[in-house]
C-alpha atoms as a PDB file:
ATOM      1  CA  MET A   1       0.000   0.000   0.000  1.00  0.00           C
ATOM      2  CA  ALA A   2       1.274   3.464  -0.949  1.00  0.00           C
ATOM      3  CA  TYR A   3       0.299   5.943   1.745  1.00  0.00           C
ATOM      4  CA  ARG A   4      -0.386   9.480   0.556  1.00  0.00           C
ATOM      5  CA  LEU A   5      -1.168  11.326   3.802  1.00  0.00           C
ATOM      6  CA  LEU A   6       0.444  11.322   7.249  1.00  0.00           C
ATOM      7  CA  ALA A   7      -1.557  12.716  10.199  1.00  0.00           C
ATOM      8  CA  LEU A   8       0.354  13.506  13.380  1.00  0.00           C
ATOM      9  CA  ASP A   9      -0.969  14.194  16.858  1.00  0.00           C
ATOM     10  CA  ILE A  10       1.071  16.771  18.801  1.00  0.00           C
ATOM     11  CA  ASP A  11       1.111  16.218  22.565  1.00  0.00           C
ATOM     12  CA  GLY A  12       2.481  12.856  23.601  1.00  0.00           C
ATOM     13  CA  THR A  13       3.310  12.133  19.963  1.00  0.00           C
ATOM     14  CA  LEU A  14       5.310  14.777  18.104  1.00  0.00           C
ATOM     15  CA  LEU A  15       6.499  16.451  21.294  1.00  0.00           C
ATOM     16  CA  GLN A  16       8.620  14.815  23.944  1.00  0.00           C
ATOM     17  CA  SER A  17       7.597  14.884  27.615  1.00  0.00           C
ATOM     18  CA  ASN A  18       9.558  18.135  28.021  1.00  0.00           C
ATOM     19  CA  HIS A  19       7.324  19.599  25.263  1.00  0.00           C
ATOM     20  CA  ARG A  20      10.231  19.912  22.848  1.00  0.00           C
ATOM     21  CA  LEU A  21      10.355  18.914  19.208  1.00  0.00           C
ATOM     22  CA  ALA A  22      13.321  16.593  18.614  1.00  0.00           C
ATOM     23  CA  LYS A  23      15.646  17.133  15.678  1.00  0.00           C
ATOM     24  CA  GLN A  24      15.026  13.548  14.533  1.00  0.00           C
ATOM     25  CA  THR A  25      11.289  14.228  14.389  1.00  0.00           C
ATOM     26  CA  LYS A  26      11.761  17.306  12.206  1.00  0.00           C
ATOM     27  CA  GLU A  27      14.020  15.341   9.901  1.00  0.00           C
ATOM     28  CA  ALA A  28      11.476  12.522   9.640  1.00  0.00           C
ATOM     29  CA  VAL A  29       8.709  14.928   8.663  1.00  0.00           C
ATOM     30  CA  GLU A  30      10.965  16.385   5.969  1.00  0.00           C
ATOM     31  CA  PHE A  31      11.709  12.845   4.780  1.00  0.00           C
ATOM     32  CA  ALA A  32       7.980  12.121   4.376  1.00  0.00           C
ATOM     33  CA  LYS A  33       7.435  15.406   2.551  1.00  0.00           C
ATOM     34  CA  ARG A  34      10.241  14.603   0.108  1.00  0.00           C
ATOM     35  CA  LYS A  35       8.429  11.358  -0.649  1.00  0.00           C
ATOM     36  CA  GLY A  36       5.461  13.436  -1.799  1.00  0.00           C
ATOM     37  CA  VAL A  37       3.382  12.607   1.296  1.00  0.00           C
ATOM     38  CA  TYR A  38       0.874  15.210   2.489  1.00  0.00           C
ATOM     39  CA  VAL A  39       1.751  15.803   6.156  1.00  0.00           C
ATOM     40  CA  THR A  40      -0.839  17.319   8.472  1.00  0.00           C
ATOM     41  CA  LEU A  41      -1.430  17.762  12.206  1.00  0.00           C
ATOM     42  CA  ALA A  42      -4.461  16.284  13.956  1.00  0.00           C
ATOM     43  CA  THR A  43      -4.708  17.722  17.453  1.00  0.00           C
ATOM     44  CA  GLY A  44      -6.960  18.750  20.283  1.00  0.00           C
ATOM     45  CA  ARG A  45      -5.079  22.047  20.467  1.00  0.00           C
ATOM     46  CA  SER A  46      -6.518  25.338  19.285  1.00  0.00           C
ATOM     47  CA  PHE A  47      -5.645  26.525  15.790  1.00  0.00           C
ATOM     48  CA  PRO A  48      -3.148  29.250  16.857  1.00  0.00           C
ATOM     49  CA  SER A  49      -1.293  26.793  19.096  1.00  0.00           C
ATOM     50  CA  ALA A  50      -1.186  24.039  16.462  1.00  0.00           C
ATOM     51  CA  GLN A  51      -0.130  26.534  13.803  1.00  0.00           C
ATOM     52  CA  LYS A  52       3.030  27.294  15.813  1.00  0.00           C
ATOM     53  CA  VAL A  53       3.965  23.619  15.673  1.00  0.00           C
ATOM     54  CA  ALA A  54       3.119  23.470  11.963  1.00  0.00           C
ATOM     55  CA  LYS A  55       5.457  26.388  11.311  1.00  0.00           C
ATOM     56  CA  ALA A  56       8.236  24.704  13.296  1.00  0.00           C
ATOM     57  CA  LEU A  57       7.847  21.729  10.942  1.00  0.00           C
ATOM     58  CA  ASP A  58       7.596  23.917   7.827  1.00  0.00           C
ATOM     59  CA  LEU A  59       4.109  22.629   7.104  1.00  0.00           C
ATOM     60  CA  GLU A  60       1.921  24.776   4.877  1.00  0.00           C
ATOM     61  CA  THR A  61      -0.944  22.308   4.780  1.00  0.00           C
ATOM     62  CA  ASP A  62      -4.448  22.346   6.203  1.00  0.00           C
ATOM     63  CA  ILE A  63      -4.372  21.172   9.815  1.00  0.00           C
ATOM     64  CA  ILE A  64      -7.016  19.508  11.986  1.00  0.00           C
ATOM     65  CA  THR A  65      -7.525  21.306  15.301  1.00  0.00           C
ATOM     66  CA  HIS A  66      -9.979  21.390  18.221  1.00  0.00           C
ATOM     67  CA  ASP A  67     -10.301  17.587  17.873  1.00  0.00           C
ATOM     68  CA  GLY A  68     -11.671  17.959  14.346  1.00  0.00           C
ATOM     69  CA  ALA A  69     -14.013  20.891  14.940  1.00  0.00           C
ATOM     70  CA  PHE A  70     -11.808  23.363  13.020  1.00  0.00           C
ATOM     71  CA  VAL A  71      -9.881  22.368   9.882  1.00  0.00           C
ATOM     72  CA  GLY A  72      -7.933  24.684   7.614  1.00  0.00           C
ATOM     73  CA  SER A  73      -4.719  26.570   6.969  1.00  0.00           C
ATOM     74  CA  SER A  74      -5.924  29.933   8.282  1.00  0.00           C
ATOM     75  CA  LEU A  75      -8.322  31.335  10.852  1.00  0.00           C
ATOM     76  CA  GLU A  76     -10.139  33.359   8.226  1.00  0.00           C
ATOM     77  CA  ALA A  77     -10.977  30.615   5.727  1.00  0.00           C
ATOM     78  CA  PRO A  78     -11.393  27.166   7.324  1.00  0.00           C
ATOM     79  CA  ILE A  79     -12.404  24.323   5.033  1.00  0.00           C
ATOM     80  CA  PHE A  80     -14.554  22.940   7.861  1.00  0.00           C
ATOM     81  CA  GLU A  81     -15.841  24.104  11.236  1.00  0.00           C
ATOM     82  CA  ARG A  82     -18.493  22.822  13.607  1.00  0.00           C
ATOM     83  CA  ARG A  83     -19.412  24.738  16.736  1.00  0.00           C
ATOM     84  CA  LEU A  84     -21.350  24.088  19.907  1.00  0.00           C
ATOM     85  CA  ASN A  85     -24.345  26.428  19.852  1.00  0.00           C
ATOM     86  CA  ASN A  86     -24.808  29.095  22.523  1.00  0.00           C
ATOM     87  CA  GLU A  87     -27.380  27.183  24.549  1.00  0.00           C
ATOM     88  CA  LYS A  88     -25.436  23.925  24.519  1.00  0.00           C
ATOM     89  CA  ALA A  89     -22.204  25.649  25.514  1.00  0.00           C
ATOM     90  CA  TYR A  90     -24.016  27.263  28.439  1.00  0.00           C
ATOM     91  CA  HIS A  91     -25.487  23.967  29.657  1.00  0.00           C
ATOM     92  CA  ILE A  92     -22.144  22.175  29.378  1.00  0.00           C
ATOM     93  CA  VAL A  93     -20.446  24.855  31.466  1.00  0.00           C
ATOM     94  CA  GLU A  94     -23.308  24.938  33.973  1.00  0.00           C
ATOM     95  CA  LEU A  95     -22.946  21.193  34.532  1.00  0.00           C
ATOM     96  CA  LEU A  96     -19.149  21.326  34.767  1.00  0.00           C
ATOM     97  CA  GLU A  97     -19.323  24.126  37.352  1.00  0.00           C
ATOM     98  CA  LYS A  98     -20.913  21.657  39.764  1.00  0.00           C
ATOM     99  CA  HIS A  99     -17.558  19.880  39.875  1.00  0.00           C
ATOM    100  CA  LYS A 100     -14.098  20.947  40.997  1.00  0.00           C
ATOM    101  CA  CYS A 101     -12.413  21.482  37.684  1.00  0.00           C
ATOM    102  CA  HIS A 102     -10.805  24.122  35.541  1.00  0.00           C
ATOM    103  CA  ILE A 103     -12.928  24.932  32.480  1.00  0.00           C
ATOM    104  CA  ARG A 104     -11.917  26.634  29.267  1.00  0.00           C
ATOM    105  CA  VAL A 105     -14.404  27.649  26.623  1.00  0.00           C
ATOM    106  CA  MET A 106     -12.146  27.537  23.580  1.00  0.00           C
ATOM    107  CA  HIS A 107     -12.902  29.770  20.629  1.00  0.00           C
ATOM    108  CA  GLU A 108     -10.375  29.647  17.791  1.00  0.00           C
ATOM    109  CA  LYS A 109      -9.269  33.232  18.561  1.00  0.00           C
ATOM    110  CA  PHE A 110      -9.549  33.394  22.356  1.00  0.00           C
ATOM    111  CA  ALA A 111     -10.490  31.397  25.461  1.00  0.00           C
ATOM    112  CA  ILE A 112     -12.530  32.066  28.599  1.00  0.00           C
ATOM    113  CA  GLY A 113     -11.610  30.210  31.789  1.00  0.00           C
ATOM    114  CA  ASN A 114     -13.038  29.961  35.292  1.00  0.00           C
ATOM    115  CA  LYS A 115     -11.159  31.005  38.385  1.00  0.00           C
ATOM    116  CA  ILE A 116     -10.575  28.096  40.741  1.00  0.00           C
ATOM    117  CA  ARG A 117     -11.052  29.110  44.360  1.00  0.00           C
ATOM    118  CA  GLN A 118      -8.258  27.109  45.930  1.00  0.00           C
ATOM    119  CA  LYS A 119      -4.665  27.632  46.938  1.00  0.00           C
ATOM    120  CA  ASN A 120      -3.272  25.914  43.891  1.00  0.00           C
ATOM    121  CA  PHE A 121      -5.208  28.093  41.407  1.00  0.00           C
ATOM    122  CA  LEU A 122      -1.968  29.253  39.809  1.00  0.00           C
ATOM    123  CA  VAL A 123      -0.840  25.640  39.483  1.00  0.00           C
ATOM    124  CA  ALA A 124      -4.206  24.798  37.940  1.00  0.00           C
ATOM    125  CA  LYS A 125      -3.841  27.568  35.363  1.00  0.00           C
ATOM    126  CA  MET A 126      -0.345  26.427  34.502  1.00  0.00           C
ATOM    127  CA  THR A 127      -1.267  22.733  34.359  1.00  0.00           C
ATOM    128  CA  VAL A 128      -4.189  23.146  31.973  1.00  0.00           C
ATOM    129  CA  GLY A 129      -1.990  25.284  29.729  1.00  0.00           C
ATOM    130  CA  ILE A 130       0.862  22.803  29.453  1.00  0.00           C
ATOM    131  CA  GLY A 131      -0.774  20.771  26.713  1.00  0.00           C
ATOM    132  CA  ASP A 132      -1.989  23.796  24.778  1.00  0.00           C
ATOM    133  CA  PRO A 133       0.359  26.782  25.122  1.00  0.00           C
ATOM    134  CA  VAL A 134      -1.520  30.042  24.868  1.00  0.00           C
ATOM    135  CA  PHE A 135      -0.980  32.095  21.727  1.00  0.00           C
ATOM    136  CA  TYR A 136      -4.211  34.091  22.001  1.00  0.00           C
ATOM    137  CA  PRO A 137      -6.078  36.038  24.725  1.00  0.00           C
ATOM    138  CA  VAL A 138      -7.391  34.108  27.747  1.00  0.00           C
ATOM    139  CA  THR A 139      -9.792  35.757  30.189  1.00  0.00           C
ATOM    140  CA  PHE A 140     -10.488  34.291  33.640  1.00  0.00           C
ATOM    141  CA  VAL A 141     -13.887  34.996  35.200  1.00  0.00           C
ATOM    142  CA  ASP A 142     -15.598  34.126  38.493  1.00  0.00           C
ATOM    143  CA  SER A 143     -18.590  32.450  36.843  1.00  0.00           C
ATOM    144  CA  LEU A 144     -18.351  31.109  33.311  1.00  0.00           C
ATOM    145  CA  SER A 145     -22.069  30.363  33.104  1.00  0.00           C
ATOM    146  CA  ASN A 146     -22.941  33.965  34.031  1.00  0.00           C
ATOM    147  CA  TYR A 147     -20.410  35.209  31.499  1.00  0.00           C
ATOM    148  CA  LEU A 148     -21.977  33.094  28.753  1.00  0.00           C
ATOM    149  CA  LEU A 149     -25.433  34.418  29.619  1.00  0.00           C
ATOM    150  CA  ASN A 150     -24.218  37.956  29.003  1.00  0.00           C
ATOM    151  CA  GLU A 151     -21.713  37.186  26.234  1.00  0.00           C
ATOM    152  CA  PRO A 152     -22.921  34.129  24.268  1.00  0.00           C
ATOM    153  CA  ILE A 153     -20.160  32.171  22.510  1.00  0.00           C
ATOM    154  CA  MET A 154     -20.304  29.383  19.942  1.00  0.00           C
ATOM    155  CA  PRO A 155     -17.009  27.574  20.615  1.00  0.00           C
ATOM    156  CA  PRO A 156     -15.559  24.667  18.629  1.00  0.00           C
ATOM    157  CA  LYS A 157     -14.650  22.965  21.913  1.00  0.00           C
ATOM    158  CA  ILE A 158     -14.905  23.147  25.693  1.00  0.00           C
ATOM    159  CA  HIS A 159     -12.044  21.701  27.756  1.00  0.00           C
ATOM    160  CA  ALA A 160     -12.137  20.738  31.440  1.00  0.00           C
ATOM    161  CA  PHE A 161      -9.262  19.657  33.669  1.00  0.00           C
ATOM    162  CA  PHE A 162      -9.962  17.665  36.849  1.00  0.00           C
ATOM    163  CA  PHE A 163      -7.736  17.005  39.844  1.00  0.00           C
ATOM    164  CA  ASN A 164      -9.692  13.889  40.850  1.00  0.00           C
ATOM    165  CA  GLU A 165     -10.229  10.962  38.475  1.00  0.00           C
ATOM    166  CA  LYS A 166     -13.445   9.802  40.115  1.00  0.00           C
ATOM    167  CA  GLU A 167     -14.957  13.248  39.735  1.00  0.00           C
ATOM    168  CA  ARG A 168     -13.808  13.408  36.104  1.00  0.00           C
ATOM    169  CA  LEU A 169     -15.558  10.141  35.297  1.00  0.00           C
ATOM    170  CA  THR A 170     -18.712  11.271  37.114  1.00  0.00           C
ATOM    171  CA  ALA A 171     -18.772  14.523  35.147  1.00  0.00           C
ATOM    172  CA  LYS A 172     -18.248  12.628  31.877  1.00  0.00           C
ATOM    173  CA  GLU A 173     -21.164  10.324  32.657  1.00  0.00           C
ATOM    174  CA  GLU A 174     -23.414  13.278  33.523  1.00  0.00           C
ATOM    175  CA  LEU A 175     -22.487  15.137  30.349  1.00  0.00           C
ATOM    176  CA  MET A 176     -23.261  12.160  28.132  1.00  0.00           C
ATOM    177  CA  LYS A 177     -26.536  11.458  29.945  1.00  0.00           C
ATOM    178  CA  GLU A 178     -27.910  14.980  30.299  1.00  0.00           C
ATOM    179  CA  ILE A 179     -26.684  16.849  27.210  1.00  0.00           C
ATOM    180  CA  PRO A 180     -27.538  15.335  23.823  1.00  0.00           C
ATOM    181  CA  GLY A 181     -25.643  16.095  20.641  1.00  0.00           C
ATOM    182  CA  ILE A 182     -22.116  16.182  22.070  1.00  0.00           C
ATOM    183  CA  HIS A 183     -19.000  14.019  21.848  1.00  0.00           C
ATOM    184  CA  VAL A 184     -16.845  13.672  24.974  1.00  0.00           C
ATOM    185  CA  THR A 185     -13.266  12.435  24.809  1.00  0.00           C
ATOM    186  CA  SER A 186      -9.860  13.087  26.368  1.00  0.00           C
ATOM    187  CA  SER A 187      -6.412  14.132  25.189  1.00  0.00           C
ATOM    188  CA  SER A 188      -4.594  14.006  28.514  1.00  0.00           C
ATOM    189  CA  GLU A 189      -4.733  12.525  31.975  1.00  0.00           C
ATOM    190  CA  GLY A 190      -7.339  14.422  33.986  1.00  0.00           C
ATOM    191  CA  GLY A 191      -8.926  16.099  30.981  1.00  0.00           C
ATOM    192  CA  LEU A 192     -12.260  16.093  29.197  1.00  0.00           C
ATOM    193  CA  GLU A 193     -12.812  17.517  25.718  1.00  0.00           C
ATOM    194  CA  ILE A 194     -16.363  18.335  24.595  1.00  0.00           C
ATOM    195  CA  VAL A 195     -17.203  18.943  20.938  1.00  0.00           C
ATOM    196  CA  SER A 196     -20.319  18.549  18.810  1.00  0.00           C
ATOM    197  CA  GLU A 197     -21.656  15.078  18.089  1.00  0.00           C
ATOM    198  CA  GLY A 198     -20.002  13.515  15.050  1.00  0.00           C
ATOM    199  CA  ILE A 199     -16.826  15.558  15.457  1.00  0.00           C
ATOM    200  CA  SER A 200     -13.489  13.794  15.780  1.00  0.00           C
ATOM    201  CA  LYS A 201     -10.026  13.796  14.278  1.00  0.00           C
ATOM    202  CA  ALA A 202     -11.247  10.998  11.997  1.00  0.00           C
ATOM    203  CA  LYS A 203     -13.991  13.303  10.734  1.00  0.00           C
ATOM    204  CA  GLY A 204     -11.360  15.965  10.100  1.00  0.00           C
ATOM    205  CA  LEU A 205      -9.308  13.478   8.075  1.00  0.00           C
ATOM    206  CA  HIS A 206     -12.389  12.536   6.070  1.00  0.00           C
ATOM    207  CA  VAL A 207     -13.006  16.208   5.243  1.00  0.00           C
ATOM    208  CA  LEU A 208      -9.368  16.772   4.303  1.00  0.00           C
ATOM    209  CA  GLY A 209      -9.213  13.576   2.292  1.00  0.00           C
ATOM    210  CA  LYS A 210     -12.271  14.575   0.304  1.00  0.00           C
ATOM    211  CA  LYS A 211     -10.633  17.888  -0.590  1.00  0.00           C
ATOM    212  CA  LEU A 212      -7.373  16.188  -1.632  1.00  0.00           C
ATOM    213  CA  GLY A 213      -8.834  13.114  -3.268  1.00  0.00           C
ATOM    214  CA  ILE A 214      -7.215  10.805  -0.714  1.00  0.00           C
ATOM    215  CA  SER A 215      -9.176   7.953   0.860  1.00  0.00           C
ATOM    216  CA  LEU A 216      -8.840   6.993   4.523  1.00  0.00           C
ATOM    217  CA  ASN A 217      -7.138   3.716   3.602  1.00  0.00           C
ATOM    218  CA  GLN A 218      -4.354   5.757   1.926  1.00  0.00           C
ATOM    219  CA  MET A 219      -3.601   7.531   5.207  1.00  0.00           C
ATOM    220  CA  VAL A 220      -1.309   6.893   8.158  1.00  0.00           C
ATOM    221  CA  ALA A 221      -2.327   8.372  11.518  1.00  0.00           C
ATOM    222  CA  ILE A 222      -0.339   8.312  14.742  1.00  0.00           C
ATOM    223  CA  GLY A 223      -1.463   9.292  18.229  1.00  0.00           C
ATOM    224  CA  ALA A 224      -1.361   8.546  21.934  1.00  0.00           C
ATOM    225  CA  PHE A 225      -4.683   9.356  23.620  1.00  0.00           C
ATOM    226  CA  ASP A 226      -8.415   8.592  23.544  1.00  0.00           C
ATOM    227  CA  ASN A 227      -9.137  11.425  21.119  1.00  0.00           C
ATOM    228  CA  ASP A 228      -6.788   9.695  18.646  1.00  0.00           C
ATOM    229  CA  LEU A 229      -8.458   6.289  18.803  1.00  0.00           C
ATOM    230  CA  GLU A 230     -11.103   6.846  16.127  1.00  0.00           C
ATOM    231  CA  MET A 231      -8.627   8.056  13.517  1.00  0.00           C
ATOM    232  CA  ILE A 232      -6.161   5.278  14.433  1.00  0.00           C
ATOM    233  CA  THR A 233      -8.812   2.625  13.830  1.00  0.00           C
ATOM    234  CA  GLU A 234     -10.271   4.141  10.639  1.00  0.00           C
ATOM    235  CA  VAL A 235      -7.194   4.926   8.502  1.00  0.00           C
ATOM    236  CA  GLY A 236      -5.165   2.522   6.392  1.00  0.00           C
ATOM    237  CA  LEU A 237      -2.370   2.335   8.967  1.00  0.00           C
ATOM    238  CA  GLY A 238      -3.189   3.374  12.525  1.00  0.00           C
ATOM    239  CA  VAL A 239      -0.131   3.771  14.746  1.00  0.00           C
ATOM    240  CA  ALA A 240      -0.063   4.120  18.523  1.00  0.00           C
ATOM    241  CA  MET A 241       2.832   5.640  20.404  1.00  0.00           C
ATOM    242  CA  GLY A 242       4.700   3.392  22.820  1.00  0.00           C
ATOM    243  CA  ASN A 243       3.605   5.733  25.632  1.00  0.00           C
ATOM    244  CA  ALA A 244      -0.084   5.383  24.728  1.00  0.00           C
ATOM    245  CA  PRO A 245      -2.406   3.602  27.187  1.00  0.00           C
ATOM    246  CA  LYS A 246      -2.773  -0.155  26.712  1.00  0.00           C
ATOM    247  CA  HIS A 247      -6.283   0.034  25.194  1.00  0.00           C
ATOM    248  CA  ILE A 248      -4.998   2.408  22.496  1.00  0.00           C
ATOM    249  CA  ARG A 249      -1.997   0.222  21.682  1.00  0.00           C
ATOM    250  CA  GLU A 250      -4.193  -2.883  21.468  1.00  0.00           C
ATOM    251  CA  GLN A 251      -6.445  -1.357  18.801  1.00  0.00           C
ATOM    252  CA  ALA A 252      -3.669   0.089  16.636  1.00  0.00           C
ATOM    253  CA  ASP A 253      -2.271  -1.650  13.558  1.00  0.00           C
ATOM    254  CA  TRP A 254       1.251  -0.908  14.717  1.00  0.00           C
ATOM    255  CA  VAL A 255       2.925   0.377  17.903  1.00  0.00           C
ATOM    256  CA  THR A 256       6.030   2.527  17.605  1.00  0.00           C
ATOM    257  CA  ARG A 257       8.469   3.720  20.246  1.00  0.00           C
ATOM    258  CA  SER A 258       7.502   6.313  22.861  1.00  0.00           C
ATOM    259  CA  ASN A 259       7.606  10.064  22.317  1.00  0.00           C
ATOM    260  CA  ASN A 260      10.806  10.224  24.379  1.00  0.00           C
ATOM    261  CA  GLN A 261      12.385   7.551  22.150  1.00  0.00           C
ATOM    262  CA  ASN A 262      11.708   9.367  18.860  1.00  0.00           C
ATOM    263  CA  GLY A 263       8.698   7.175  18.085  1.00  0.00           C
ATOM    264  CA  VAL A 264       7.479   9.370  15.223  1.00  0.00           C
ATOM    265  CA  ALA A 265      10.876   9.390  13.522  1.00  0.00           C
ATOM    266  CA  TYR A 266      11.178   5.606  13.860  1.00  0.00           C
ATOM    267  CA  MET A 267       7.682   5.031  12.461  1.00  0.00           C
ATOM    268  CA  VAL A 268       8.123   7.385   9.493  1.00  0.00           C
ATOM    269  CA  LYS A 269      11.422   5.856   8.435  1.00  0.00           C
ATOM    270  CA  GLU A 270      10.086   2.305   8.745  1.00  0.00           C
ATOM    271  CA  VAL A 271       6.837   2.972   6.883  1.00  0.00           C
ATOM    272  CA  PHE A 272       7.981   5.331   4.135  1.00  0.00           C
ATOM    273  CA  ARG A 273      11.619   4.388   3.425  1.00  0.00           C
ATOM    274  CA  LYS A 274      10.692   1.843   0.723  1.00  0.00           C
ATOM    275  CA  GLN A 275       7.849   3.881  -0.703  1.00  0.00           C
ATOM    276  CA  LEU A 276       8.478   5.497  -4.064  1.00  0.00           C
ATOM    277  CA  ASN A 277       8.149   9.257  -4.381  1.00  0.00           C
ATOM    278  CA  MET A 278       4.693  10.382  -5.455  1.00  0.00           C
ATOM    279  CA  GLN A 279       2.887  13.560  -6.346  1.00  0.00           C
ATOM    280  CA  LEU A 280      -0.594  14.559  -5.166  1.00  0.00           C
END
């Protein structure tokens, strides 16, 4: 099989645990590009944050962000976007506020977060930002639900970070039971990601593939978390990182090394080294 598109998750995949991009990874991406492979990012990050990584890799392609809710190469002209409507966003936040968690309503140009009334509030702010460095304005308010009543927002995604796993699972169950038309997943330990029903990185790849004339079975996708599972299982070659949880690794077609062992570079060289150059 000749693979024509390579989709890369960012956190836990492209980036090492210290959040750095290894030289070997950059070289591997260049290697795939020289083979004529369309390389894209598929991430839960916001567009501005993902775009910084794309630029570091010299990618000028459409990228899949907000877990598939926003796809494009610019903020101004996305090829696909799907937002939570005002009322649904409000109800999601209202439910999450019943739990001890940090919430971010994530627009593609800004974010609104709640203030956590505890001693480690600063730690909470820093922790939730580790996986998605801020390259756009973030406003922290006392009550997110009150804010949304006065300033309605239609965000691509809402993110919540919990400090207690039991409470996270309870909140996830409540969201899925009480609010129809949403998809709840996770891209990190302690996190919940809420997007519209039917939205996923796999959906983003389907949209991108339709534009490019590339079928899912001509794609390679690599990731490490629950929000990667659908694309890993639907593409022609689904690859799990060595640091991915066991249930992700078990459903992948292939498991590479961990993100701290240059797993992306190893996978790219192994998969594409014998593939002839091609043109889209």
